[in-house]
């Protein structure tokens, strides 16, 4: 699948118009519903392949709950490397109470996969959590960059940022 074919397939699967509030709190006239492409086996497989090509020099894959989990699993299966799930908040009163599910070892080099990058806030939080557990994040890789500051914020926080596609690639006009 070419980049243009992937962009068209993602737009067809996940592009919605209306009035939406993004995680950042900003209002938008469109929404990219990540679950509509992450639950499509052919798209998830293609995204896993593309992320795996960026995972050659890492020991683990990571995805933040909830949207990054399917992407991390698909990537891990494609490159045969273990993955971890970074929780948004620690489980309070039950289980292990961990922020990271799965095994993370000090010195691990991690590729952090992300679905839609708007401000980059969730990815930065996840990368910091991984760092607090002794891992080094080699890059934060998003499926789609909304071109609304994620790259600048991620790079200002000291992480490398890569996106497979941008909203420009999907032919989406800015708000």
C-alpha atoms as a PDB file:
ATOM      1  CA  UNK A   1       0.000   0.000   0.000  1.00  0.00           C
ATOM      2  CA  UNK A   2       1.400   3.399  -0.965  1.00  0.00           C
ATOM      3  CA  UNK A   3       1.312   6.415   1.343  1.00  0.00           C
ATOM      4  CA  UNK A   4      -1.459   7.928  -0.790  1.00  0.00           C
ATOM      5  CA  UNK A   5      -3.514   4.719  -0.614  1.00  0.00           C
ATOM      6  CA  UNK A   6      -3.040   4.531   3.163  1.00  0.00           C
ATOM      7  CA  UNK A   7      -4.022   8.197   3.552  1.00  0.00           C
ATOM      8  CA  UNK A   8      -7.180   7.636   1.497  1.00  0.00           C
ATOM      9  CA  UNK A   9      -8.075   4.483   3.438  1.00  0.00           C
ATOM     10  CA  UNK A  10      -7.561   6.188   6.812  1.00  0.00           C
ATOM     11  CA  UNK A  11      -9.637   9.179   5.762  1.00  0.00           C
ATOM     12  CA  UNK A  12     -12.420   6.954   4.470  1.00  0.00           C
ATOM     13  CA  UNK A  13     -12.391   4.866   7.651  1.00  0.00           C
ATOM     14  CA  UNK A  14     -12.052   7.533  10.324  1.00  0.00           C
ATOM     15  CA  UNK A  15     -12.864  11.073   9.137  1.00  0.00           C
ATOM     16  CA  UNK A  16     -15.965  12.599  10.737  1.00  0.00           C
ATOM     17  CA  UNK A  17     -17.371  16.126  10.425  1.00  0.00           C
ATOM     18  CA  UNK A  18     -19.284  17.956  13.133  1.00  0.00           C
ATOM     19  CA  UNK A  19     -18.557  19.732  16.419  1.00  0.00           C
ATOM     20  CA  UNK A  20     -15.932  17.947  18.505  1.00  0.00           C
ATOM     21  CA  UNK A  21     -13.847  18.642  21.603  1.00  0.00           C
ATOM     22  CA  UNK A  22     -10.338  17.196  21.379  1.00  0.00           C
ATOM     23  CA  UNK A  23      -8.306  15.747  24.269  1.00  0.00           C
ATOM     24  CA  UNK A  24      -6.414  19.058  24.328  1.00  0.00           C
ATOM     25  CA  UNK A  25      -9.728  20.805  25.055  1.00  0.00           C
ATOM     26  CA  UNK A  26      -9.731  22.580  21.708  1.00  0.00           C
ATOM     27  CA  UNK A  27     -12.847  22.553  19.555  1.00  0.00           C
ATOM     28  CA  UNK A  28     -12.672  21.127  16.039  1.00  0.00           C
ATOM     29  CA  UNK A  29     -15.010  20.851  13.054  1.00  0.00           C
ATOM     30  CA  UNK A  30     -13.615  17.394  12.282  1.00  0.00           C
ATOM     31  CA  UNK A  31     -12.548  14.318  14.166  1.00  0.00           C
ATOM     32  CA  UNK A  32     -10.371  11.387  13.222  1.00  0.00           C
ATOM     33  CA  UNK A  33     -11.876   8.421  15.058  1.00  0.00           C
ATOM     34  CA  UNK A  34      -8.817   6.273  15.715  1.00  0.00           C
ATOM     35  CA  UNK A  35     -10.932   3.324  16.775  1.00  0.00           C
ATOM     36  CA  UNK A  36     -12.459   3.133  13.315  1.00  0.00           C
ATOM     37  CA  UNK A  37      -9.043   2.471  11.755  1.00  0.00           C
ATOM     38  CA  UNK A  38      -7.472   0.597  14.681  1.00  0.00           C
ATOM     39  CA  UNK A  39     -10.246  -1.999  14.611  1.00  0.00           C
ATOM     40  CA  UNK A  40      -9.939  -2.608  10.856  1.00  0.00           C
ATOM     41  CA  UNK A  41      -7.590  -5.610  10.440  1.00  0.00           C
ATOM     42  CA  UNK A  42      -6.149  -4.557   7.066  1.00  0.00           C
ATOM     43  CA  UNK A  43      -5.375  -1.017   8.261  1.00  0.00           C
ATOM     44  CA  UNK A  44      -4.040  -2.198  11.623  1.00  0.00           C
ATOM     45  CA  UNK A  45      -1.784  -4.726   9.865  1.00  0.00           C
ATOM     46  CA  UNK A  46      -0.423  -2.040   7.519  1.00  0.00           C
ATOM     47  CA  UNK A  47       0.220   0.349  10.413  1.00  0.00           C
ATOM     48  CA  UNK A  48       1.967  -2.421  12.362  1.00  0.00           C
ATOM     49  CA  UNK A  49       4.241  -3.071   9.358  1.00  0.00           C
ATOM     50  CA  UNK A  50       5.099   0.598   8.996  1.00  0.00           C
ATOM     51  CA  UNK A  51       5.814   1.084  12.695  1.00  0.00           C
ATOM     52  CA  UNK A  52       7.882  -2.130  12.778  1.00  0.00           C
ATOM     53  CA  UNK A  53      10.147  -0.716  10.058  1.00  0.00           C
ATOM     54  CA  UNK A  54      11.014   2.051  12.553  1.00  0.00           C
ATOM     55  CA  UNK A  55      11.679  -0.398  15.403  1.00  0.00           C
ATOM     56  CA  UNK A  56      14.928  -1.977  14.252  1.00  0.00           C
ATOM     57  CA  UNK A  57      17.092  -0.477  16.999  1.00  0.00           C
ATOM     58  CA  UNK A  58      14.700  -0.828  19.927  1.00  0.00           C
ATOM     59  CA  UNK A  59      14.114  -3.564  22.480  1.00  0.00           C
ATOM     60  CA  UNK A  60      10.430  -2.853  23.137  1.00  0.00           C
ATOM     61  CA  UNK A  61       7.361  -1.197  21.716  1.00  0.00           C
ATOM     62  CA  UNK A  62       5.056   0.918  23.890  1.00  0.00           C
ATOM     63  CA  UNK A  63       1.562   2.268  23.482  1.00  0.00           C
ATOM     64  CA  UNK A  64      -0.441   4.492  25.794  1.00  0.00           C
ATOM     65  CA  UNK A  65      -3.855   3.278  26.872  1.00  0.00           C
ATOM     66  CA  UNK A  66      -6.266   3.022  25.224  1.00  0.00           C
ATOM     67  CA  UNK A  67      -5.627   4.080  21.640  1.00  0.00           C
ATOM     68  CA  UNK A  68      -2.007   2.995  21.469  1.00  0.00           C
ATOM     69  CA  UNK A  69      -2.589  -0.564  22.664  1.00  0.00           C
ATOM     70  CA  UNK A  70      -3.779  -2.095  19.383  1.00  0.00           C
ATOM     71  CA  UNK A  71      -1.027  -0.246  17.490  1.00  0.00           C
ATOM     72  CA  UNK A  72       1.646  -1.478  19.916  1.00  0.00           C
ATOM     73  CA  UNK A  73       0.366  -5.058  19.715  1.00  0.00           C
ATOM     74  CA  UNK A  74       0.295  -5.004  15.902  1.00  0.00           C
ATOM     75  CA  UNK A  75       3.809  -3.561  15.801  1.00  0.00           C
ATOM     76  CA  UNK A  76       5.114  -6.092  18.320  1.00  0.00           C
ATOM     77  CA  UNK A  77       3.678  -8.972  16.302  1.00  0.00           C
ATOM     78  CA  UNK A  78       5.217  -7.625  13.112  1.00  0.00           C
ATOM     79  CA  UNK A  79       8.742  -7.134  14.517  1.00  0.00           C
ATOM     80  CA  UNK A  80       8.626  -9.902  17.149  1.00  0.00           C
ATOM     81  CA  UNK A  81       9.503  -7.599  20.023  1.00  0.00           C
ATOM     82  CA  UNK A  82       7.680  -7.332  23.340  1.00  0.00           C
ATOM     83  CA  UNK A  83       5.416  -4.399  24.070  1.00  0.00           C
ATOM     84  CA  UNK A  84       4.201  -2.537  27.116  1.00  0.00           C
ATOM     85  CA  UNK A  85       1.085  -0.532  27.833  1.00  0.00           C
ATOM     86  CA  UNK A  86       1.528   2.826  29.540  1.00  0.00           C
ATOM     87  CA  UNK A  87      -1.449   3.663  31.727  1.00  0.00           C
ATOM     88  CA  UNK A  88      -2.862   7.167  31.911  1.00  0.00           C
ATOM     89  CA  UNK A  89      -3.105   6.780  35.687  1.00  0.00           C
ATOM     90  CA  UNK A  90      -2.147   4.148  38.202  1.00  0.00           C
ATOM     91  CA  UNK A  91      -4.772   1.587  39.176  1.00  0.00           C
ATOM     92  CA  UNK A  92      -5.865   2.755  42.599  1.00  0.00           C
ATOM     93  CA  UNK A  93      -7.261   0.031  44.785  1.00  0.00           C
ATOM     94  CA  UNK A  94      -6.761  -3.254  43.006  1.00  0.00           C
ATOM     95  CA  UNK A  95      -4.236  -5.412  41.182  1.00  0.00           C
ATOM     96  CA  UNK A  96      -0.611  -4.393  40.994  1.00  0.00           C
ATOM     97  CA  UNK A  97      -1.197  -0.634  40.809  1.00  0.00           C
ATOM     98  CA  UNK A  98       1.390  -0.253  38.017  1.00  0.00           C
ATOM     99  CA  UNK A  99       1.677   2.576  35.496  1.00  0.00           C
ATOM    100  CA  UNK A 100       3.291   0.239  32.974  1.00  0.00           C
ATOM    101  CA  UNK A 101       1.740  -3.104  32.115  1.00  0.00           C
ATOM    102  CA  UNK A 102       4.150  -5.662  30.764  1.00  0.00           C
ATOM    103  CA  UNK A 103       7.832  -6.000  31.456  1.00  0.00           C
ATOM    104  CA  UNK A 104      10.112  -2.972  31.179  1.00  0.00           C
ATOM    105  CA  UNK A 105      13.788  -3.189  32.069  1.00  0.00           C
ATOM    106  CA  UNK A 106      16.219  -0.368  32.843  1.00  0.00           C
ATOM    107  CA  UNK A 107      18.144   0.410  29.665  1.00  0.00           C
ATOM    108  CA  UNK A 108      15.368  -0.675  27.297  1.00  0.00           C
ATOM    109  CA  UNK A 109      15.152   1.369  24.099  1.00  0.00           C
ATOM    110  CA  UNK A 110      11.490   1.905  23.337  1.00  0.00           C
ATOM    111  CA  UNK A 111       9.518   2.974  20.286  1.00  0.00           C
ATOM    112  CA  UNK A 112       6.370   4.722  21.535  1.00  0.00           C
ATOM    113  CA  UNK A 113       3.514   4.419  19.043  1.00  0.00           C
ATOM    114  CA  UNK A 114       0.663   6.925  19.018  1.00  0.00           C
ATOM    115  CA  UNK A 115      -2.559   7.210  17.051  1.00  0.00           C
ATOM    116  CA  UNK A 116      -3.490  10.855  16.423  1.00  0.00           C
ATOM    117  CA  UNK A 117      -1.083  13.585  17.527  1.00  0.00           C
ATOM    118  CA  UNK A 118      -2.635  16.977  18.228  1.00  0.00           C
ATOM    119  CA  UNK A 119      -0.662  18.664  21.013  1.00  0.00           C
ATOM    120  CA  UNK A 120       1.511  15.646  21.824  1.00  0.00           C
ATOM    121  CA  UNK A 121       0.568  15.836  25.500  1.00  0.00           C
ATOM    122  CA  UNK A 122      -0.419  12.202  26.052  1.00  0.00           C
ATOM    123  CA  UNK A 123       2.634  10.921  24.191  1.00  0.00           C
ATOM    124  CA  UNK A 124       4.956  13.137  26.224  1.00  0.00           C
ATOM    125  CA  UNK A 125       3.352  11.914  29.479  1.00  0.00           C
ATOM    126  CA  UNK A 126       3.780   8.295  28.368  1.00  0.00           C
ATOM    127  CA  UNK A 127       7.413   8.911  27.347  1.00  0.00           C
ATOM    128  CA  UNK A 128       8.157  10.482  30.727  1.00  0.00           C
ATOM    129  CA  UNK A 129       6.587   7.509  32.514  1.00  0.00           C
ATOM    130  CA  UNK A 130       8.792   5.159  30.497  1.00  0.00           C
ATOM    131  CA  UNK A 131      11.832   7.276  31.379  1.00  0.00           C
ATOM    132  CA  UNK A 132      10.946   7.164  35.077  1.00  0.00           C
ATOM    133  CA  UNK A 133      11.104   3.373  34.771  1.00  0.00           C
ATOM    134  CA  UNK A 134      14.601   3.446  33.241  1.00  0.00           C
ATOM    135  CA  UNK A 135      13.726   3.163  29.555  1.00  0.00           C
ATOM    136  CA  UNK A 136      14.940   5.465  26.797  1.00  0.00           C
ATOM    137  CA  UNK A 137      12.364   6.473  24.191  1.00  0.00           C
ATOM    138  CA  UNK A 138      14.006   6.323  20.760  1.00  0.00           C
ATOM    139  CA  UNK A 139      11.074   8.082  19.082  1.00  0.00           C
ATOM    140  CA  UNK A 140       7.404   8.899  19.388  1.00  0.00           C
ATOM    141  CA  UNK A 141       5.706   7.779  16.181  1.00  0.00           C
ATOM    142  CA  UNK A 142       2.161   8.845  15.310  1.00  0.00           C
ATOM    143  CA  UNK A 143      -0.129   7.488  12.641  1.00  0.00           C
ATOM    144  CA  UNK A 144      -1.428  10.990  11.878  1.00  0.00           C
ATOM    145  CA  UNK A 145      -0.098  14.406  12.893  1.00  0.00           C
ATOM    146  CA  UNK A 146      -2.934  16.951  12.967  1.00  0.00           C
ATOM    147  CA  UNK A 147      -0.284  19.665  12.418  1.00  0.00           C
ATOM    148  CA  UNK A 148      -1.393  21.533  15.530  1.00  0.00           C
ATOM    149  CA  UNK A 149       1.815  21.643  17.530  1.00  0.00           C
ATOM    150  CA  UNK A 150       2.546  18.024  18.438  1.00  0.00           C
ATOM    151  CA  UNK A 151       5.928  17.967  16.683  1.00  0.00           C
ATOM    152  CA  UNK A 152       7.101  21.183  18.345  1.00  0.00           C
ATOM    153  CA  UNK A 153       5.911  20.082  21.805  1.00  0.00           C
ATOM    154  CA  UNK A 154       7.388  16.583  21.534  1.00  0.00           C
ATOM    155  CA  UNK A 155      10.723  17.875  20.269  1.00  0.00           C
ATOM    156  CA  UNK A 156      10.793  20.640  22.921  1.00  0.00           C
ATOM    157  CA  UNK A 157      10.337  17.892  25.525  1.00  0.00           C
ATOM    158  CA  UNK A 158      13.481  16.221  24.143  1.00  0.00           C
ATOM    159  CA  UNK A 159      11.998  13.402  22.078  1.00  0.00           C
ATOM    160  CA  UNK A 160      12.258  12.573  18.380  1.00  0.00           C
ATOM    161  CA  UNK A 161       8.891  12.807  16.587  1.00  0.00           C
ATOM    162  CA  UNK A 162       7.866  10.945  13.445  1.00  0.00           C
ATOM    163  CA  UNK A 163       4.449  10.735  11.807  1.00  0.00           C
ATOM    164  CA  UNK A 164       3.446   8.317   9.104  1.00  0.00           C
ATOM    165  CA  UNK A 165       0.993  10.859   7.682  1.00  0.00           C
ATOM    166  CA  UNK A 166      -0.382  14.327   8.340  1.00  0.00           C
ATOM    167  CA  UNK A 167      -3.823  15.818   7.947  1.00  0.00           C
ATOM    168  CA  UNK A 168      -2.442  17.474   4.783  1.00  0.00           C
ATOM    169  CA  UNK A 169      -1.749  13.990   3.409  1.00  0.00           C
ATOM    170  CA  UNK A 170      -5.374  13.084   4.139  1.00  0.00           C
ATOM    171  CA  UNK A 171      -6.603  16.214   2.330  1.00  0.00           C
ATOM    172  CA  UNK A 172      -8.126  17.716   5.453  1.00  0.00           C
ATOM    173  CA  UNK A 173      -8.467  21.500   5.620  1.00  0.00           C
ATOM    174  CA  UNK A 174      -7.334  23.242   8.786  1.00  0.00           C
ATOM    175  CA  UNK A 175     -10.054  24.355  11.232  1.00  0.00           C
END
